[in-house]
Full PDB file with SEQRES, HELIX, SHEET, SSBOND, CRYST1, ORIGX, SCALE, CONECT and MASTER records, all heavy atoms in Angstrom:
SEQRES   1 A   41  ALA VAL ASN ALA VAL ALA GLY GLY GLY SER LEU LEU SER          
SEQRES   2 A   41  PHE PRO ALA LEU LEU ALA VAL GLY TYR PRO ALA LEU THR          
SEQRES   3 A   41  ALA ASN VAL THR ASN THR VAL ALA LEU THR PRO GLY TYR          
SEQRES   4 A   41  PHE GLY                                                      
HELIX    1 AA1 VAL A    2  VAL A    5  1                                   4    
HELIX    2 AA2 SER A   10  ALA A   19  1                                  10    
HELIX    3 AA3 ALA A   24  PHE A   40  1                                  17    
CRYST1    1.000    1.000    1.000  90.00  90.00  90.00 P 1           1          
ORIGX1      1.000000  0.000000  0.000000        0.00000                         
ORIGX2      0.000000  1.000000  0.000000        0.00000                         
ORIGX3      0.000000  0.000000  1.000000        0.00000                         
SCALE1      1.000000  0.000000  0.000000        0.00000                         
SCALE2      0.000000  1.000000  0.000000        0.00000                         
SCALE3      0.000000  0.000000  1.000000        0.00000                         
ATOM      1  N   ALA A   1       0.792  -1.239   0.041  1.00  0.00           N  
ATOM      2  CA  ALA A   1      -0.020   0.040   0.041  1.00  0.00           C  
ATOM      3  C   ALA A   1       0.851   1.210  -0.037  1.00  0.00           C  
ATOM      4  O   ALA A   1       0.608   2.192  -0.719  1.00  0.00           O  
ATOM      5  CB  ALA A   1      -0.944  -0.035   1.190  1.00  0.00           C  
ATOM      6  N   VAL A   2       1.936   1.233   0.785  1.00  0.00           N  
ATOM      7  CA  VAL A   2       2.761   2.517   1.008  1.00  0.00           C  
ATOM      8  C   VAL A   2       3.506   2.710  -0.356  1.00  0.00           C  
ATOM      9  O   VAL A   2       3.565   3.775  -0.830  1.00  0.00           O  
ATOM     10  CB  VAL A   2       3.734   2.352   2.136  1.00  0.00           C  
ATOM     11  CG1 VAL A   2       4.809   3.410   2.045  1.00  0.00           C  
ATOM     12  CG2 VAL A   2       3.017   2.388   3.380  1.00  0.00           C  
ATOM     13  N   ASN A   3       3.989   1.593  -1.048  1.00  0.00           N  
ATOM     14  CA  ASN A   3       4.689   1.740  -2.229  1.00  0.00           C  
ATOM     15  C   ASN A   3       3.737   2.318  -3.354  1.00  0.00           C  
ATOM     16  O   ASN A   3       4.177   3.077  -4.203  1.00  0.00           O  
ATOM     17  CB  ASN A   3       5.300   0.484  -2.681  1.00  0.00           C  
ATOM     18  CG  ASN A   3       6.606   0.124  -1.935  1.00  0.00           C  
ATOM     19  OD1 ASN A   3       7.246   0.955  -1.382  1.00  0.00           O  
ATOM     20  ND2 ASN A   3       6.853  -1.252  -1.821  1.00  0.00           N  
ATOM     21  N   ALA A   4       2.505   1.846  -3.381  1.00  0.00           N  
ATOM     22  CA  ALA A   4       1.530   2.412  -4.316  1.00  0.00           C  
ATOM     23  C   ALA A   4       1.323   3.896  -4.217  1.00  0.00           C  
ATOM     24  O   ALA A   4       1.111   4.520  -5.199  1.00  0.00           O  
ATOM     25  CB  ALA A   4       0.286   1.591  -4.257  1.00  0.00           C  
ATOM     26  N   VAL A   5       1.265   4.403  -3.059  1.00  0.00           N  
ATOM     27  CA  VAL A   5       1.044   5.652  -2.741  1.00  0.00           C  
ATOM     28  C   VAL A   5       2.243   6.639  -2.988  1.00  0.00           C  
ATOM     29  O   VAL A   5       2.070   7.703  -3.686  1.00  0.00           O  
ATOM     30  CB  VAL A   5       0.467   5.914  -1.388  1.00  0.00           C  
ATOM     31  CG1 VAL A   5       0.219   7.445  -1.137  1.00  0.00           C  
ATOM     32  CG2 VAL A   5      -0.874   5.269  -1.289  1.00  0.00           C  
ATOM     33  N   ALA A   6       3.292   6.277  -2.451  1.00  0.00           N  
ATOM     34  CA  ALA A   6       4.492   7.234  -2.618  1.00  0.00           C  
ATOM     35  C   ALA A   6       5.799   6.418  -2.658  1.00  0.00           C  
ATOM     36  O   ALA A   6       6.629   6.525  -3.583  1.00  0.00           O  
ATOM     37  CB  ALA A   6       4.556   8.248  -1.421  1.00  0.00           C  
ATOM     38  N   GLY A   7       6.108   5.546  -1.689  1.00  0.00           N  
ATOM     39  CA  GLY A   7       7.246   4.689  -1.638  1.00  0.00           C  
ATOM     40  C   GLY A   7       7.676   4.688  -0.224  1.00  0.00           C  
ATOM     41  O   GLY A   7       7.173   5.276   0.647  1.00  0.00           O  
ATOM     42  N   GLY A   8       8.623   3.734   0.005  1.00  0.00           N  
ATOM     43  CA  GLY A   8       9.184   3.570   1.301  1.00  0.00           C  
ATOM     44  C   GLY A   8       8.705   2.237   1.972  1.00  0.00           C  
ATOM     45  O   GLY A   8       8.973   2.038   3.196  1.00  0.00           O  
ATOM     46  N   GLY A   9       7.860   1.531   1.268  1.00  0.00           N  
ATOM     47  CA  GLY A   9       7.255   0.290   1.870  1.00  0.00           C  
ATOM     48  C   GLY A   9       8.268  -0.734   2.293  1.00  0.00           C  
ATOM     49  O   GLY A   9       8.038  -1.444   3.298  1.00  0.00           O  
ATOM     50  N   SER A  10       9.461  -0.764   1.743  1.00  0.00           N  
ATOM     51  CA  SER A  10      10.467  -1.728   2.141  1.00  0.00           C  
ATOM     52  C   SER A  10      10.965  -1.566   3.507  1.00  0.00           C  
ATOM     53  O   SER A  10      11.586  -2.366   4.124  1.00  0.00           O  
ATOM     54  CB  SER A  10      11.625  -1.699   1.142  1.00  0.00           C  
ATOM     55  OG  SER A  10      11.361  -2.379  -0.039  1.00  0.00           O  
ATOM     56  N   LEU A  11      10.804  -0.252   4.039  1.00  0.00           N  
ATOM     57  CA  LEU A  11      11.164   0.015   5.402  1.00  0.00           C  
ATOM     58  C   LEU A  11      10.270  -0.686   6.380  1.00  0.00           C  
ATOM     59  O   LEU A  11      10.618  -0.754   7.569  1.00  0.00           O  
ATOM     60  CB  LEU A  11      11.143   1.508   5.653  1.00  0.00           C  
ATOM     61  CG  LEU A  11      12.333   2.365   5.136  1.00  0.00           C  
ATOM     62  CD1 LEU A  11      12.125   3.771   5.327  1.00  0.00           C  
ATOM     63  CD2 LEU A  11      13.622   1.920   5.820  1.00  0.00           C  
ATOM     64  N   LEU A  12       9.208  -1.252   5.869  1.00  0.00           N  
ATOM     65  CA  LEU A  12       8.389  -2.154   6.732  1.00  0.00           C  
ATOM     66  C   LEU A  12       8.655  -3.655   6.516  1.00  0.00           C  
ATOM     67  O   LEU A  12       8.746  -4.433   7.494  1.00  0.00           O  
ATOM     68  CB  LEU A  12       6.794  -1.819   6.392  1.00  0.00           C  
ATOM     69  CG  LEU A  12       6.375  -0.412   6.699  1.00  0.00           C  
ATOM     70  CD1 LEU A  12       4.986  -0.235   6.125  1.00  0.00           C  
ATOM     71  CD2 LEU A  12       6.313  -0.277   8.298  1.00  0.00           C  
ATOM     72  N   SER A  13       8.703  -3.990   5.165  1.00  0.00           N  
ATOM     73  CA  SER A  13       8.836  -5.454   4.951  1.00  0.00           C  
ATOM     74  C   SER A  13      10.277  -5.914   5.169  1.00  0.00           C  
ATOM     75  O   SER A  13      10.422  -7.108   5.579  1.00  0.00           O  
ATOM     76  CB  SER A  13       8.404  -5.661   3.501  1.00  0.00           C  
ATOM     77  OG  SER A  13       9.078  -4.863   2.618  1.00  0.00           O  
ATOM     78  N   PHE A  14      11.311  -5.144   4.802  1.00  0.00           N  
ATOM     79  CA  PHE A  14      12.594  -5.608   4.952  1.00  0.00           C  
ATOM     80  C   PHE A  14      13.026  -5.776   6.553  1.00  0.00           C  
ATOM     81  O   PHE A  14      13.560  -6.877   6.795  1.00  0.00           O  
ATOM     82  CB  PHE A  14      13.620  -4.587   4.333  1.00  0.00           C  
ATOM     83  CG  PHE A  14      15.080  -4.964   4.539  1.00  0.00           C  
ATOM     84  CD1 PHE A  14      15.650  -6.039   3.863  1.00  0.00           C  
ATOM     85  CD2 PHE A  14      15.807  -4.165   5.414  1.00  0.00           C  
ATOM     86  CE1 PHE A  14      16.973  -6.315   3.960  1.00  0.00           C  
ATOM     87  CE2 PHE A  14      17.237  -4.467   5.509  1.00  0.00           C  
ATOM     88  CZ  PHE A  14      17.745  -5.574   4.844  1.00  0.00           C  
ATOM     89  N   PRO A  15      12.695  -4.933   7.371  1.00  0.00           N  
ATOM     90  CA  PRO A  15      13.044  -5.149   8.766  1.00  0.00           C  
ATOM     91  C   PRO A  15      12.083  -6.307   9.280  1.00  0.00           C  
ATOM     92  O   PRO A  15      12.624  -7.084  10.227  1.00  0.00           O  
ATOM     93  CB  PRO A  15      12.576  -3.851   9.457  1.00  0.00           C  
ATOM     94  CG  PRO A  15      12.737  -2.896   8.420  1.00  0.00           C  
ATOM     95  CD  PRO A  15      12.305  -3.534   7.207  1.00  0.00           C  
ATOM     96  N   ALA A  16      10.985  -6.605   8.763  1.00  0.00           N  
ATOM     97  CA  ALA A  16      10.183  -7.675   9.291  1.00  0.00           C  
ATOM     98  C   ALA A  16      10.858  -9.066   8.870  1.00  0.00           C  
ATOM     99  O   ALA A  16      10.883 -10.028   9.717  1.00  0.00           O  
ATOM    100  CB  ALA A  16       8.832  -7.621   8.572  1.00  0.00           C  
ATOM    101  N   LEU A  17      11.504  -9.037   7.701  1.00  0.00           N  
ATOM    102  CA  LEU A  17      12.208 -10.299   7.348  1.00  0.00           C  
ATOM    103  C   LEU A  17      13.428 -10.457   8.289  1.00  0.00           C  
ATOM    104  O   LEU A  17      13.841 -11.541   8.722  1.00  0.00           O  
ATOM    105  CB  LEU A  17      12.648 -10.240   5.963  1.00  0.00           C  
ATOM    106  CG  LEU A  17      11.697 -10.434   4.941  1.00  0.00           C  
ATOM    107  CD1 LEU A  17      12.014  -9.836   3.522  1.00  0.00           C  
ATOM    108  CD2 LEU A  17      11.219 -11.934   4.744  1.00  0.00           C  
ATOM    109  N   LEU A  18      14.108  -9.325   8.653  1.00  0.00           N  
ATOM    110  CA  LEU A  18      15.241  -9.439   9.561  1.00  0.00           C  
ATOM    111  C   LEU A  18      14.729  -9.870  10.892  1.00  0.00           C  
ATOM    112  O   LEU A  18      15.469 -10.697  11.601  1.00  0.00           O  
ATOM    113  CB  LEU A  18      15.919  -8.008   9.723  1.00  0.00           C  
ATOM    114  CG  LEU A  18      16.635  -7.428   8.583  1.00  0.00           C  
ATOM    115  CD1 LEU A  18      17.116  -6.105   8.779  1.00  0.00           C  
ATOM    116  CD2 LEU A  18      17.767  -8.356   7.957  1.00  0.00           C  
ATOM    117  N   ALA A  19      13.570  -9.460  11.324  1.00  0.00           N  
ATOM    118  CA  ALA A  19      13.022  -9.778  12.726  1.00  0.00           C  
ATOM    119  C   ALA A  19      12.751 -11.193  12.721  1.00  0.00           C  
ATOM    120  O   ALA A  19      12.848 -11.759  13.915  1.00  0.00           O  
ATOM    121  CB  ALA A  19      11.786  -8.872  12.920  1.00  0.00           C  
ATOM    122  N   VAL A  20      12.425 -11.978  11.739  1.00  0.00           N  
ATOM    123  CA  VAL A  20      12.040 -13.401  11.927  1.00  0.00           C  
ATOM    124  C   VAL A  20      13.225 -14.219  11.651  1.00  0.00           C  
ATOM    125  O   VAL A  20      13.193 -15.461  11.741  1.00  0.00           O  
ATOM    126  CB  VAL A  20      10.997 -13.779  10.842  1.00  0.00           C  
ATOM    127  CG1 VAL A  20       9.709 -12.925  11.164  1.00  0.00           C  
ATOM    128  CG2 VAL A  20      11.399 -13.653   9.449  1.00  0.00           C  
ATOM    129  N   GLY A  21      14.489 -13.578  11.436  1.00  0.00           N  
ATOM    130  CA  GLY A  21      15.688 -14.371  11.470  1.00  0.00           C  
ATOM    131  C   GLY A  21      16.444 -14.458  10.147  1.00  0.00           C  
ATOM    132  O   GLY A  21      17.422 -15.210  10.154  1.00  0.00           O  
ATOM    133  N   TYR A  22      15.976 -13.774   9.048  1.00  0.00           N  
ATOM    134  CA  TYR A  22      16.732 -13.961   7.864  1.00  0.00           C  
ATOM    135  C   TYR A  22      17.969 -13.050   7.793  1.00  0.00           C  
ATOM    136  O   TYR A  22      17.968 -11.950   8.338  1.00  0.00           O  
ATOM    137  CB  TYR A  22      15.848 -13.555   6.626  1.00  0.00           C  
ATOM    138  CG  TYR A  22      14.813 -14.595   6.372  1.00  0.00           C  
ATOM    139  CD1 TYR A  22      13.458 -14.367   6.760  1.00  0.00           C  
ATOM    140  CD2 TYR A  22      15.110 -15.656   5.654  1.00  0.00           C  
ATOM    141  CE1 TYR A  22      12.542 -15.304   6.477  1.00  0.00           C  
ATOM    142  CE2 TYR A  22      14.081 -16.774   5.387  1.00  0.00           C  
ATOM    143  CZ  TYR A  22      12.729 -16.466   5.787  1.00  0.00           C  
ATOM    144  OH  TYR A  22      11.885 -17.373   5.564  1.00  0.00           O  
ATOM    145  N   PRO A  23      19.115 -13.550   7.288  1.00  0.00           N  
ATOM    146  CA  PRO A  23      20.265 -12.754   7.043  1.00  0.00           C  
ATOM    147  C   PRO A  23      19.993 -11.526   6.267  1.00  0.00           C  
ATOM    148  O   PRO A  23      19.016 -11.625   5.432  1.00  0.00           O  
ATOM    149  CB  PRO A  23      21.354 -13.719   6.463  1.00  0.00           C  
ATOM    150  CG  PRO A  23      20.884 -14.969   6.706  1.00  0.00           C  
ATOM    151  CD  PRO A  23      19.363 -14.885   6.799  1.00  0.00           C  
ATOM    152  N   ALA A  24      20.748 -10.439   6.320  1.00  0.00           N  
ATOM    153  CA  ALA A  24      20.424  -9.246   5.663  1.00  0.00           C  
ATOM    154  C   ALA A  24      20.310  -9.433   4.030  1.00  0.00           C  
ATOM    155  O   ALA A  24      19.430  -9.009   3.354  1.00  0.00           O  
ATOM    156  CB  ALA A  24      21.415  -8.161   5.984  1.00  0.00           C  
ATOM    157  N   LEU A  25      21.257 -10.108   3.492  1.00  0.00           N  
ATOM    158  CA  LEU A  25      21.270 -10.268   2.033  1.00  0.00           C  
ATOM    159  C   LEU A  25      20.131 -11.117   1.583  1.00  0.00           C  
ATOM    160  O   LEU A  25      19.447 -10.823   0.682  1.00  0.00           O  
ATOM    161  CB  LEU A  25      22.657 -10.945   1.570  1.00  0.00           C  
ATOM    162  CG  LEU A  25      22.890 -10.974   0.139  1.00  0.00           C  
ATOM    163  CD1 LEU A  25      22.871  -9.577  -0.522  1.00  0.00           C  
ATOM    164  CD2 LEU A  25      24.203 -11.631  -0.224  1.00  0.00           C  
ATOM    165  N   THR A  26      19.827 -12.255   2.338  1.00  0.00           N  
ATOM    166  CA  THR A  26      18.738 -13.022   1.968  1.00  0.00           C  
ATOM    167  C   THR A  26      17.408 -12.325   2.075  1.00  0.00           C  
ATOM    168  O   THR A  26      16.468 -12.406   1.248  1.00  0.00           O  
ATOM    169  CB  THR A  26      18.692 -14.350   2.902  1.00  0.00           C  
ATOM    170  OG1 THR A  26      19.907 -15.056   2.659  1.00  0.00           O  
ATOM    171  CG2 THR A  26      17.439 -15.190   2.536  1.00  0.00           C  
ATOM    172  N   ALA A  27      17.357 -11.465   3.271  1.00  0.00           N  
ATOM    173  CA  ALA A  27      16.105 -10.643   3.383  1.00  0.00           C  
ATOM    174  C   ALA A  27      15.925  -9.723   2.272  1.00  0.00           C  
ATOM    175  O   ALA A  27      14.793  -9.498   1.811  1.00  0.00           O  
ATOM    176  CB  ALA A  27      16.262  -9.913   4.733  1.00  0.00           C  
ATOM    177  N   ASN A  28      16.955  -9.105   1.849  1.00  0.00           N  
ATOM    178  CA  ASN A  28      16.875  -8.073   0.759  1.00  0.00           C  
ATOM    179  C   ASN A  28      16.342  -8.694  -0.647  1.00  0.00           C  
ATOM    180  O   ASN A  28      15.455  -8.200  -1.164  1.00  0.00           O  
ATOM    181  CB  ASN A  28      18.228  -7.405   0.500  1.00  0.00           C  
ATOM    182  CG  ASN A  28      18.172  -6.283  -0.452  1.00  0.00           C  
ATOM    183  OD1 ASN A  28      17.395  -5.365  -0.352  1.00  0.00           O  
ATOM    184  ND2 ASN A  28      18.920  -6.350  -1.576  1.00  0.00           N  
ATOM    185  N   VAL A  29      16.976  -9.822  -1.032  1.00  0.00           N  
ATOM    186  CA  VAL A  29      16.605 -10.427  -2.314  1.00  0.00           C  
ATOM    187  C   VAL A  29      15.136 -11.002  -2.138  1.00  0.00           C  
ATOM    188  O   VAL A  29      14.367 -11.027  -3.093  1.00  0.00           O  
ATOM    189  CB  VAL A  29      17.564 -11.497  -2.837  1.00  0.00           C  
ATOM    190  CG1 VAL A  29      18.945 -10.826  -3.044  1.00  0.00           C  
ATOM    191  CG2 VAL A  29      17.734 -12.703  -1.653  1.00  0.00           C  
ATOM    192  N   THR A  30      14.895 -11.618  -0.980  1.00  0.00           N  
ATOM    193  CA  THR A  30      13.474 -12.172  -0.783  1.00  0.00           C  
ATOM    194  C   THR A  30      12.457 -11.002  -0.767  1.00  0.00           C  
ATOM    195  O   THR A  30      11.341 -11.125  -1.360  1.00  0.00           O  
ATOM    196  CB  THR A  30      13.401 -12.823   0.615  1.00  0.00           C  
ATOM    197  OG1 THR A  30      14.297 -13.973   0.528  1.00  0.00           O  
ATOM    198  CG2 THR A  30      12.008 -13.506   0.808  1.00  0.00           C  
ATOM    199  N   ASN A  31      12.809  -9.890  -0.168  1.00  0.00           N  
ATOM    200  CA  ASN A  31      11.884  -8.687  -0.191  1.00  0.00           C  
ATOM    201  C   ASN A  31      11.525  -8.296  -1.537  1.00  0.00           C  
ATOM    202  O   ASN A  31      10.501  -7.947  -1.883  1.00  0.00           O  
ATOM    203  CB  ASN A  31      12.537  -7.615   0.715  1.00  0.00           C  
ATOM    204  CG  ASN A  31      11.680  -6.434   0.920  1.00  0.00           C  
ATOM    205  OD1 ASN A  31      10.637  -6.473   1.425  1.00  0.00           O  
ATOM    206  ND2 ASN A  31      12.093  -5.321   0.454  1.00  0.00           N  
ATOM    207  N   THR A  32      12.633  -8.250  -2.376  1.00  0.00           N  
ATOM    208  CA  THR A  32      12.494  -7.758  -3.724  1.00  0.00           C  
ATOM    209  C   THR A  32      11.516  -8.540  -4.601  1.00  0.00           C  
ATOM    210  O   THR A  32      10.568  -8.101  -5.166  1.00  0.00           O  
ATOM    211  CB  THR A  32      13.836  -7.681  -4.474  1.00  0.00           C  
ATOM    212  OG1 THR A  32      14.599  -6.654  -3.852  1.00  0.00           O  
ATOM    213  CG2 THR A  32      13.678  -7.317  -6.013  1.00  0.00           C  
ATOM    214  N   VAL A  33      11.828  -9.884  -4.432  1.00  0.00           N  
ATOM    215  CA  VAL A  33      10.824 -10.868  -5.115  1.00  0.00           C  
ATOM    216  C   VAL A  33       9.442 -10.742  -4.591  1.00  0.00           C  
ATOM    217  O   VAL A  33       8.355 -10.723  -5.333  1.00  0.00           O  
ATOM    218  CB  VAL A  33      11.365 -12.347  -4.951  1.00  0.00           C  
ATOM    219  CG1 VAL A  33      10.402 -13.308  -5.616  1.00  0.00           C  
ATOM    220  CG2 VAL A  33      12.752 -12.378  -5.686  1.00  0.00           C  
ATOM    221  N   ALA A  34       9.273 -10.733  -3.224  1.00  0.00           N  
ATOM    222  CA  ALA A  34       7.947 -10.712  -2.639  1.00  0.00           C  
ATOM    223  C   ALA A  34       7.120  -9.544  -2.871  1.00  0.00           C  
ATOM    224  O   ALA A  34       5.904  -9.629  -3.035  1.00  0.00           O  
ATOM    225  CB  ALA A  34       8.142 -11.034  -1.089  1.00  0.00           C  
ATOM    226  N   LEU A  35       7.786  -8.299  -3.056  1.00  0.00           N  
ATOM    227  CA  LEU A  35       6.943  -7.075  -3.265  1.00  0.00           C  
ATOM    228  C   LEU A  35       6.755  -6.820  -4.717  1.00  0.00           C  
ATOM    229  O   LEU A  35       5.955  -5.874  -5.000  1.00  0.00           O  
ATOM    230  CB  LEU A  35       7.742  -5.980  -2.621  1.00  0.00           C  
ATOM    231  CG  LEU A  35       7.907  -5.840  -1.094  1.00  0.00           C  
ATOM    232  CD1 LEU A  35       8.545  -4.511  -0.641  1.00  0.00           C  
ATOM    233  CD2 LEU A  35       6.616  -6.151  -0.369  1.00  0.00           C  
ATOM    234  N   THR A  36       7.265  -7.571  -5.696  1.00  0.00           N  
ATOM    235  CA  THR A  36       7.061  -7.284  -7.027  1.00  0.00           C  
ATOM    236  C   THR A  36       5.460  -7.277  -7.356  1.00  0.00           C  
ATOM    237  O   THR A  36       5.064  -6.450  -8.013  1.00  0.00           O  
ATOM    238  CB  THR A  36       7.797  -8.292  -7.903  1.00  0.00           C  
ATOM    239  OG1 THR A  36       9.207  -8.107  -7.651  1.00  0.00           O  
ATOM    240  CG2 THR A  36       7.441  -8.138  -9.466  1.00  0.00           C  
ATOM    241  N   PRO A  37       4.798  -8.321  -6.851  1.00  0.00           N  
ATOM    242  CA  PRO A  37       3.240  -8.247  -7.105  1.00  0.00           C  
ATOM    243  C   PRO A  37       2.534  -7.000  -6.592  1.00  0.00           C  
ATOM    244  O   PRO A  37       1.615  -6.517  -7.224  1.00  0.00           O  
ATOM    245  CB  PRO A  37       2.731  -9.540  -6.407  1.00  0.00           C  
ATOM    246  CG  PRO A  37       3.928 -10.400  -6.397  1.00  0.00           C  
ATOM    247  CD  PRO A  37       5.110  -9.546  -6.132  1.00  0.00           C  
ATOM    248  N   GLY A  38       3.078  -6.440  -5.545  1.00  0.00           N  
ATOM    249  CA  GLY A  38       2.546  -5.213  -4.944  1.00  0.00           C  
ATOM    250  C   GLY A  38       2.642  -4.016  -5.923  1.00  0.00           C  
ATOM    251  O   GLY A  38       1.753  -3.167  -6.164  1.00  0.00           O  
ATOM    252  N   TYR A  39       3.869  -3.958  -6.647  1.00  0.00           N  
ATOM    253  CA  TYR A  39       4.031  -2.973  -7.589  1.00  0.00           C  
ATOM    254  C   TYR A  39       3.109  -3.170  -8.832  1.00  0.00           C  
ATOM    255  O   TYR A  39       2.494  -2.209  -9.427  1.00  0.00           O  
ATOM    256  CB  TYR A  39       5.458  -2.883  -8.153  1.00  0.00           C  
ATOM    257  CG  TYR A  39       6.453  -2.374  -7.161  1.00  0.00           C  
ATOM    258  CD1 TYR A  39       7.375  -3.155  -6.502  1.00  0.00           C  
ATOM    259  CD2 TYR A  39       6.438  -0.994  -6.777  1.00  0.00           C  
ATOM    260  CE1 TYR A  39       8.277  -2.628  -5.523  1.00  0.00           C  
ATOM    261  CE2 TYR A  39       7.301  -0.437  -5.932  1.00  0.00           C  
ATOM    262  CZ  TYR A  39       8.271  -1.292  -5.345  1.00  0.00           C  
ATOM    263  OH  TYR A  39       9.038  -0.774  -4.363  1.00  0.00           O  
ATOM    264  N   PHE A  40       2.812  -4.350  -9.141  1.00  0.00           N  
ATOM    265  CA  PHE A  40       1.853  -4.731 -10.178  1.00  0.00           C  
ATOM    266  C   PHE A  40       0.431  -4.398  -9.893  1.00  0.00           C  
ATOM    267  O   PHE A  40      -0.259  -3.786 -10.640  1.00  0.00           O  
ATOM    268  CB  PHE A  40       1.923  -6.280 -10.578  1.00  0.00           C  
ATOM    269  CG  PHE A  40       0.974  -6.606 -11.593  1.00  0.00           C  
ATOM    270  CD1 PHE A  40       1.085  -6.375 -12.868  1.00  0.00           C  
ATOM    271  CD2 PHE A  40      -0.131  -7.342 -11.289  1.00  0.00           C  
ATOM    272  CE1 PHE A  40       0.280  -6.696 -13.901  1.00  0.00           C  
ATOM    273  CE2 PHE A  40      -1.011  -7.875 -12.214  1.00  0.00           C  
ATOM    274  CZ  PHE A  40      -0.848  -7.379 -13.551  1.00  0.00           C  
ATOM    275  N   GLY A  41       0.089  -4.516  -8.561  1.00  0.00           N  
ATOM    276  CA  GLY A  41      -1.188  -4.112  -8.102  1.00  0.00           C  
ATOM    277  C   GLY A  41      -1.355  -2.690  -8.146  1.00  0.00           C  
ATOM    278  O   GLY A  41      -2.383  -2.156  -8.560  1.00  0.00           O  
TER     279      GLY A  41                                                      
MASTER        0    0    0    3    0    0    0    6  278    1    0    4          
END                                                                             
């Protein structure tokens, strides 16, 4: 939702991936793949 309006949504999803235990690099690439449908929406 935030990305659709202006941007900055990764500041929510990327830290969430870190919080559940993913390493930073894995969290970043996973975040990119996971948020792609959001940009399409």
